[in-house]
Amino acid sequence: MSVAPASVGGGIAGSAGGLGSGEVARLLLSPEAVDALIQREIQERRDAVALYLQLGRPEEARVLSAQVDVLLAL
């Protein structure tokens, strides 16, 4: 069962009608779930930094390292 609104006829075929009708309920995360998500993102970027350095791509590694710094500040 879909939570998306039913499509209506009109200017754009298959579009939903009414202000906000294209919205679906947002997933609410607990503080613990947010922290776990951030930690996973940090680890993925650290892994990618190591790989980029192995591949001789220091600029890409630098960009990801900067992203890690931002995530650590959250």
Protein backbone atom coordinates (compact mmCIF):
# COMPACT_ATOMS: atom_id res chain seq x y z
CA MET A 1 0.00 0.00 0.00
CA SER A 2 1.41 3.39 -0.99
CA VAL A 3 1.28 6.45 1.24
CA ALA A 4 1.67 8.74 -1.77
CA PRO A 5 -1.41 10.73 -2.81
CA ALA A 6 -3.46 9.55 -5.75
CA SER A 7 -2.61 11.17 -9.07
CA VAL A 8 -5.07 13.56 -10.68
CA GLY A 9 -5.56 14.86 -14.18
CA GLY A 10 -4.39 18.32 -15.05
CA GLY A 11 -1.42 20.22 -16.41
CA ILE A 12 1.07 17.46 -15.72
CA ALA A 13 -0.04 13.90 -16.33
CA GLY A 14 0.05 11.76 -13.19
CA SER A 15 0.67 14.69 -10.86
CA ALA A 16 -0.89 15.00 -7.43
CA GLY A 17 -3.32 17.79 -6.70
CA GLY A 18 -3.25 20.37 -3.94
CA LEU A 19 -0.56 22.16 -2.01
CA GLY A 20 1.75 19.65 -0.32
CA SER A 21 -0.07 16.68 -1.81
CA GLY A 22 3.20 15.32 -3.19
CA GLU A 23 4.62 15.09 0.32
CA VAL A 24 4.87 11.86 2.25
CA ALA A 25 5.40 11.43 5.95
CA ARG A 26 8.99 11.96 6.98
CA LEU A 27 10.89 9.31 8.89
CA LEU A 28 11.59 10.51 12.42
CA LEU A 29 14.93 9.33 13.78
CA SER A 30 15.91 9.05 17.39
CA PRO A 31 19.05 10.87 18.51
CA GLU A 32 20.78 7.49 18.70
CA ALA A 33 19.79 6.66 15.11
CA VAL A 34 21.07 10.04 13.92
CA ASP A 35 24.38 9.45 15.71
CA ALA A 36 24.70 5.97 14.19
CA LEU A 37 24.00 7.40 10.73
CA ILE A 38 26.65 10.09 11.15
CA GLN A 39 29.19 7.53 12.40
CA ARG A 40 28.54 5.34 9.34
CA GLU A 41 29.02 8.33 7.04
CA ILE A 42 32.28 9.20 8.79
CA GLN A 43 33.58 5.63 8.43
CA GLU A 44 32.59 5.44 4.76
CA ARG A 45 34.47 8.65 4.06
CA ARG A 46 37.54 7.54 6.02
CA ASP A 47 37.59 4.30 4.03
CA ALA A 48 37.31 6.27 0.79
CA VAL A 49 40.12 8.62 1.87
CA ALA A 50 42.42 5.64 2.39
CA LEU A 51 41.46 4.22 -1.00
CA TYR A 52 41.97 7.53 -2.80
CA LEU A 53 45.39 7.92 -1.21
CA GLN A 54 46.33 4.40 -2.35
CA LEU A 55 45.22 5.33 -5.87
CA GLY A 56 47.28 8.50 -5.87
CA ARG A 57 44.25 10.81 -5.78
CA PRO A 58 45.16 13.25 -2.98
CA GLU A 59 42.68 15.97 -4.02
CA GLU A 60 39.71 13.64 -3.72
CA ALA A 61 41.08 12.41 -0.39
CA ARG A 62 41.40 16.00 0.82
CA VAL A 63 37.77 16.78 -0.06
CA LEU A 64 36.53 13.72 1.82
CA SER A 65 38.78 14.50 4.79
CA ALA A 66 37.18 17.94 4.98
CA GLN A 67 33.75 16.29 4.98
CA VAL A 68 34.87 14.04 7.86
CA ASP A 69 35.93 17.13 9.80
CA VAL A 70 32.47 18.67 9.29
CA LEU A 71 30.71 15.48 10.37
CA LEU A 72 32.90 15.19 13.45
CA ALA A 73 31.86 18.70 14.46
CA LEU A 74 28.17 17.70 14.59
